[in-house]
Amino acid sequence: MAWTTPKTWASGYVVLAADLNTHVRDNFNAITALLDLATGSFTDGGILLGSGTGAFTAMAVLADGAIAVGDGTTDPVALTLLTSSTGTVTHEKGGLEFDASAIALGGMIKGSGAGTMGLLTKGAAETILTMNAGATDFAWVAPAAAAVTYWKSVL
């Protein structure tokens, strides 16, 4: 069944059965054929892509954390951007991959494992950031305990 350009109805026009058949029923059947609703052949959760004047193309269900990305010319492709469907942007895609909303004034971002990041809270007044004795993490220490020479100047 071919698509027919819908009629522009004028006020006072008497609608005939032939009008309804051509402009409503036949067009509905044309849409149904394009969508293939009768056979239910689309994947649950898939995405329908327009294919010019032809039938729609069904895109598969996206993986957890994936989004559809287009280039403006060809069909979109799946890109895994998030750690999960409710996650954060992965660091490979420019994200921090951790919840930075908990960072407080004076806090810093630090490596917390291979490929992971976490937060380091600020130290107490006049403490120095050093590496702990086991060289496994940062530590805030008083200058005397750090055995370093420092100076404090007042301008």
C-alpha atoms as a PDB file:
ATOM      1  CA  MET A   1       0.000   0.000   0.000  1.00  0.00           C
ATOM      2  CA  ALA A   2       1.442   3.345  -1.016  1.00  0.00           C
ATOM      3  CA  TRP A   3       1.399   6.534   1.032  1.00  0.00           C
ATOM      4  CA  THR A   4      -0.964   9.268  -0.189  1.00  0.00           C
ATOM      5  CA  THR A   5      -0.392  12.905   0.699  1.00  0.00           C
ATOM      6  CA  PRO A   6      -3.154  13.696   3.189  1.00  0.00           C
ATOM      7  CA  LYS A   7      -6.002  15.869   1.996  1.00  0.00           C
ATOM      8  CA  THR A   8      -6.371  19.414   3.303  1.00  0.00           C
ATOM      9  CA  TRP A   9      -9.900  19.528   4.587  1.00  0.00           C
ATOM     10  CA  ALA A  10     -11.870  22.733   4.022  1.00  0.00           C
ATOM     11  CA  SER A  11     -14.547  23.963   6.380  1.00  0.00           C
ATOM     12  CA  GLY A  12     -17.982  22.728   5.305  1.00  0.00           C
ATOM     13  CA  TYR A  13     -16.582  19.919   3.133  1.00  0.00           C
ATOM     14  CA  VAL A  14     -18.696  16.773   3.193  1.00  0.00           C
ATOM     15  CA  VAL A  15     -16.360  13.895   3.999  1.00  0.00           C
ATOM     16  CA  LEU A  16     -16.994  10.849   1.828  1.00  0.00           C
ATOM     17  CA  ALA A  17     -16.149   7.220   2.555  1.00  0.00           C
ATOM     18  CA  ALA A  18     -13.648   7.295  -0.327  1.00  0.00           C
ATOM     19  CA  ASP A  19     -11.851  10.235   1.362  1.00  0.00           C
ATOM     20  CA  LEU A  20     -11.555   8.350   4.653  1.00  0.00           C
ATOM     21  CA  ASN A  21     -10.411   5.187   2.875  1.00  0.00           C
ATOM     22  CA  THR A  22      -7.705   6.983   0.877  1.00  0.00           C
ATOM     23  CA  HIS A  23      -6.419   9.518   3.392  1.00  0.00           C
ATOM     24  CA  VAL A  24      -6.895   7.694   6.689  1.00  0.00           C
ATOM     25  CA  ARG A  25      -7.239   3.929   6.263  1.00  0.00           C
ATOM     26  CA  ASP A  26      -4.771   3.500   3.395  1.00  0.00           C
ATOM     27  CA  ASN A  27      -2.170   5.762   5.015  1.00  0.00           C
ATOM     28  CA  PHE A  28      -2.534   3.933   8.326  1.00  0.00           C
ATOM     29  CA  ASN A  29      -1.982   0.644   6.467  1.00  0.00           C
ATOM     30  CA  ALA A  30       1.096   2.123   4.754  1.00  0.00           C
ATOM     31  CA  ILE A  31       2.553   3.152   8.127  1.00  0.00           C
ATOM     32  CA  THR A  32       1.747  -0.250   9.599  1.00  0.00           C
ATOM     33  CA  ALA A  33       3.559  -1.950   6.708  1.00  0.00           C
ATOM     34  CA  LEU A  34       6.630   0.263   7.189  1.00  0.00           C
ATOM     35  CA  LEU A  35       6.746  -0.456  10.905  1.00  0.00           C
ATOM     36  CA  ASP A  36       5.928  -4.132  10.422  1.00  0.00           C
ATOM     37  CA  LEU A  37       3.730  -3.979  13.516  1.00  0.00           C
ATOM     38  CA  ALA A  38       1.729  -7.011  12.464  1.00  0.00           C
ATOM     39  CA  THR A  39       4.662  -9.421  12.788  1.00  0.00           C
ATOM     40  CA  GLY A  40       6.270  -7.752  15.808  1.00  0.00           C
ATOM     41  CA  SER A  41       9.711  -8.278  14.308  1.00  0.00           C
ATOM     42  CA  PHE A  42      11.452  -5.502  16.248  1.00  0.00           C
ATOM     43  CA  THR A  43      13.634  -6.249  19.235  1.00  0.00           C
ATOM     44  CA  ASP A  44      12.164  -5.141  22.553  1.00  0.00           C
ATOM     45  CA  GLY A  45      14.200  -2.139  23.666  1.00  0.00           C
ATOM     46  CA  GLY A  46      15.757  -1.601  20.226  1.00  0.00           C
ATOM     47  CA  ILE A  47      15.855   1.744  18.422  1.00  0.00           C
ATOM     48  CA  LEU A  48      14.178   2.402  15.055  1.00  0.00           C
ATOM     49  CA  LEU A  49      16.267   4.346  12.549  1.00  0.00           C
ATOM     50  CA  GLY A  50      14.856   6.121   9.525  1.00  0.00           C
ATOM     51  CA  SER A  51      16.114   4.690   6.244  1.00  0.00           C
ATOM     52  CA  GLY A  52      15.211   7.358   3.697  1.00  0.00           C
ATOM     53  CA  THR A  53      12.192   6.337   1.666  1.00  0.00           C
ATOM     54  CA  GLY A  54      12.468   2.658   2.611  1.00  0.00           C
ATOM     55  CA  ALA A  55      11.469   0.739   5.692  1.00  0.00           C
ATOM     56  CA  PHE A  56      12.919   1.513   9.088  1.00  0.00           C
ATOM     57  CA  THR A  57      16.157  -0.116  10.216  1.00  0.00           C
ATOM     58  CA  ALA A  58      16.081  -1.703  13.660  1.00  0.00           C
ATOM     59  CA  MET A  59      19.111  -1.028  15.854  1.00  0.00           C
ATOM     60  CA  ALA A  60      19.855  -3.657  18.475  1.00  0.00           C
ATOM     61  CA  VAL A  61      19.287  -3.074  22.167  1.00  0.00           C
ATOM     62  CA  LEU A  62      22.150  -1.004  23.522  1.00  0.00           C
ATOM     63  CA  ALA A  63      24.513  -2.482  26.102  1.00  0.00           C
ATOM     64  CA  ASP A  64      24.424  -1.225  29.687  1.00  0.00           C
ATOM     65  CA  GLY A  65      25.925   2.283  29.726  1.00  0.00           C
ATOM     66  CA  ALA A  66      25.887   2.678  25.926  1.00  0.00           C
ATOM     67  CA  ILE A  67      24.335   5.501  23.909  1.00  0.00           C
ATOM     68  CA  ALA A  68      23.605   5.944  20.194  1.00  0.00           C
ATOM     69  CA  VAL A  69      26.018   8.368  18.501  1.00  0.00           C
ATOM     70  CA  GLY A  70      25.653   9.687  14.978  1.00  0.00           C
ATOM     71  CA  ASP A  71      28.024  11.324  12.520  1.00  0.00           C
ATOM     72  CA  GLY A  72      25.328  13.246  10.645  1.00  0.00           C
ATOM     73  CA  THR A  73      25.595  11.029   7.563  1.00  0.00           C
ATOM     74  CA  THR A  74      25.378   7.311   8.303  1.00  0.00           C
ATOM     75  CA  ASP A  75      23.405   5.256  10.804  1.00  0.00           C
ATOM     76  CA  PRO A  76      24.252   5.877  14.462  1.00  0.00           C
ATOM     77  CA  VAL A  77      26.502   3.434  16.273  1.00  0.00           C
ATOM     78  CA  ALA A  78      26.565   2.276  19.883  1.00  0.00           C
ATOM     79  CA  LEU A  79      29.201   3.875  22.116  1.00  0.00           C
ATOM     80  CA  THR A  80      29.815   2.679  25.656  1.00  0.00           C
ATOM     81  CA  LEU A  81      30.082   5.979  27.489  1.00  0.00           C
ATOM     82  CA  LEU A  82      28.929   5.261  31.027  1.00  0.00           C
ATOM     83  CA  THR A  83      29.952   2.753  33.667  1.00  0.00           C
ATOM     84  CA  SER A  84      26.302   1.572  33.677  1.00  0.00           C
ATOM     85  CA  SER A  85      22.865   2.891  32.720  1.00  0.00           C
ATOM     86  CA  THR A  86      22.870   4.863  35.981  1.00  0.00           C
ATOM     87  CA  GLY A  87      26.632   5.370  36.152  1.00  0.00           C
ATOM     88  CA  THR A  88      29.165   8.041  35.444  1.00  0.00           C
ATOM     89  CA  VAL A  89      31.146   8.873  32.307  1.00  0.00           C
ATOM     90  CA  THR A  90      34.165   6.579  31.967  1.00  0.00           C
ATOM     91  CA  HIS A  91      37.593   8.194  32.182  1.00  0.00           C
ATOM     92  CA  GLU A  92      38.451   6.891  28.715  1.00  0.00           C
ATOM     93  CA  LYS A  93      35.660   9.121  27.363  1.00  0.00           C
ATOM     94  CA  GLY A  94      36.627  12.222  29.376  1.00  0.00           C
ATOM     95  CA  GLY A  95      34.817  11.518  32.627  1.00  0.00           C
ATOM     96  CA  LEU A  96      36.191  11.257  36.132  1.00  0.00           C
ATOM     97  CA  GLU A  97      34.469   7.894  36.764  1.00  0.00           C
ATOM     98  CA  PHE A  98      33.718   8.628  40.396  1.00  0.00           C
ATOM     99  CA  ASP A  99      31.262  10.740  42.341  1.00  0.00           C
ATOM    100  CA  ALA A 100      32.913  14.147  42.523  1.00  0.00           C
ATOM    101  CA  SER A 101      29.831  15.692  44.134  1.00  0.00           C
ATOM    102  CA  ALA A 102      31.279  14.915  47.594  1.00  0.00           C
ATOM    103  CA  ILE A 103      34.382  17.061  47.090  1.00  0.00           C
ATOM    104  CA  ALA A 104      34.651  19.825  49.671  1.00  0.00           C
ATOM    105  CA  LEU A 105      36.500  23.119  49.770  1.00  0.00           C
ATOM    106  CA  GLY A 106      40.228  22.388  49.773  1.00  0.00           C
ATOM    107  CA  GLY A 107      39.774  18.749  48.745  1.00  0.00           C
ATOM    108  CA  MET A 108      41.739  17.167  45.897  1.00  0.00           C
ATOM    109  CA  ILE A 109      41.297  14.401  43.370  1.00  0.00           C
ATOM    110  CA  LYS A 110      43.808  11.560  43.746  1.00  0.00           C
ATOM    111  CA  GLY A 111      44.477   8.199  42.197  1.00  0.00           C
ATOM    112  CA  SER A 112      42.935   5.517  44.383  1.00  0.00           C
ATOM    113  CA  GLY A 113      43.832   2.438  42.365  1.00  0.00           C
ATOM    114  CA  ALA A 114      44.717   1.320  38.870  1.00  0.00           C
ATOM    115  CA  GLY A 115      42.542   3.463  36.599  1.00  0.00           C
ATOM    116  CA  THR A 116      40.379   4.780  39.452  1.00  0.00           C
ATOM    117  CA  MET A 117      40.174   8.087  41.250  1.00  0.00           C
ATOM    118  CA  GLY A 118      38.962   9.241  44.630  1.00  0.00           C
ATOM    119  CA  LEU A 119      38.925  12.274  46.890  1.00  0.00           C
ATOM    120  CA  LEU A 120      41.496  13.495  49.358  1.00  0.00           C
ATOM    121  CA  THR A 121      40.119  15.783  52.035  1.00  0.00           C
ATOM    122  CA  LYS A 122      42.056  18.880  52.987  1.00  0.00           C
ATOM    123  CA  GLY A 123      44.553  18.692  55.798  1.00  0.00           C
ATOM    124  CA  ALA A 124      44.544  20.647  59.028  1.00  0.00           C
ATOM    125  CA  ALA A 125      45.997  24.149  59.141  1.00  0.00           C
ATOM    126  CA  GLU A 126      49.733  24.315  58.391  1.00  0.00           C
ATOM    127  CA  THR A 127      50.140  20.623  57.590  1.00  0.00           C
ATOM    128  CA  ILE A 128      52.137  19.257  54.666  1.00  0.00           C
ATOM    129  CA  LEU A 129      50.975  16.705  52.128  1.00  0.00           C
ATOM    130  CA  THR A 130      53.427  13.797  52.010  1.00  0.00           C
ATOM    131  CA  MET A 131      53.463  10.114  51.142  1.00  0.00           C
ATOM    132  CA  ASN A 132      52.796   7.751  54.061  1.00  0.00           C
ATOM    133  CA  ALA A 133      55.524   5.498  55.481  1.00  0.00           C
ATOM    134  CA  GLY A 134      54.404   2.526  53.372  1.00  0.00           C
ATOM    135  CA  ALA A 135      54.322   4.654  50.194  1.00  0.00           C
ATOM    136  CA  THR A 136      50.744   3.508  49.618  1.00  0.00           C
ATOM    137  CA  ASP A 137      48.799   6.756  50.056  1.00  0.00           C
ATOM    138  CA  PHE A 138      49.036  10.442  50.809  1.00  0.00           C
ATOM    139  CA  ALA A 139      49.178  11.709  54.375  1.00  0.00           C
ATOM    140  CA  TRP A 140      48.849  15.134  55.969  1.00  0.00           C
ATOM    141  CA  VAL A 141      51.549  15.683  58.609  1.00  0.00           C
ATOM    142  CA  ALA A 142      52.850  18.488  60.773  1.00  0.00           C
ATOM    143  CA  PRO A 143      56.087  19.998  59.420  1.00  0.00           C
ATOM    144  CA  ALA A 144      58.203  18.753  62.351  1.00  0.00           C
ATOM    145  CA  ALA A 145      56.955  15.169  61.866  1.00  0.00           C
ATOM    146  CA  ALA A 146      57.757  15.343  58.161  1.00  0.00           C
ATOM    147  CA  ALA A 147      61.404  16.173  58.906  1.00  0.00           C
ATOM    148  CA  VAL A 148      61.460  18.870  56.266  1.00  0.00           C
ATOM    149  CA  THR A 149      62.654  22.410  56.330  1.00  0.00           C
ATOM    150  CA  TYR A 150      60.115  24.987  55.356  1.00  0.00           C
ATOM    151  CA  TRP A 151      59.591  28.634  55.876  1.00  0.00           C
ATOM    152  CA  LYS A 152      56.575  30.760  56.333  1.00  0.00           C
ATOM    153  CA  SER A 153      56.691  34.256  55.034  1.00  0.00           C
ATOM    154  CA  VAL A 154      54.280  37.050  55.579  1.00  0.00           C
ATOM    155  CA  LEU A 155      54.032  39.671  52.902  1.00  0.00           C
END
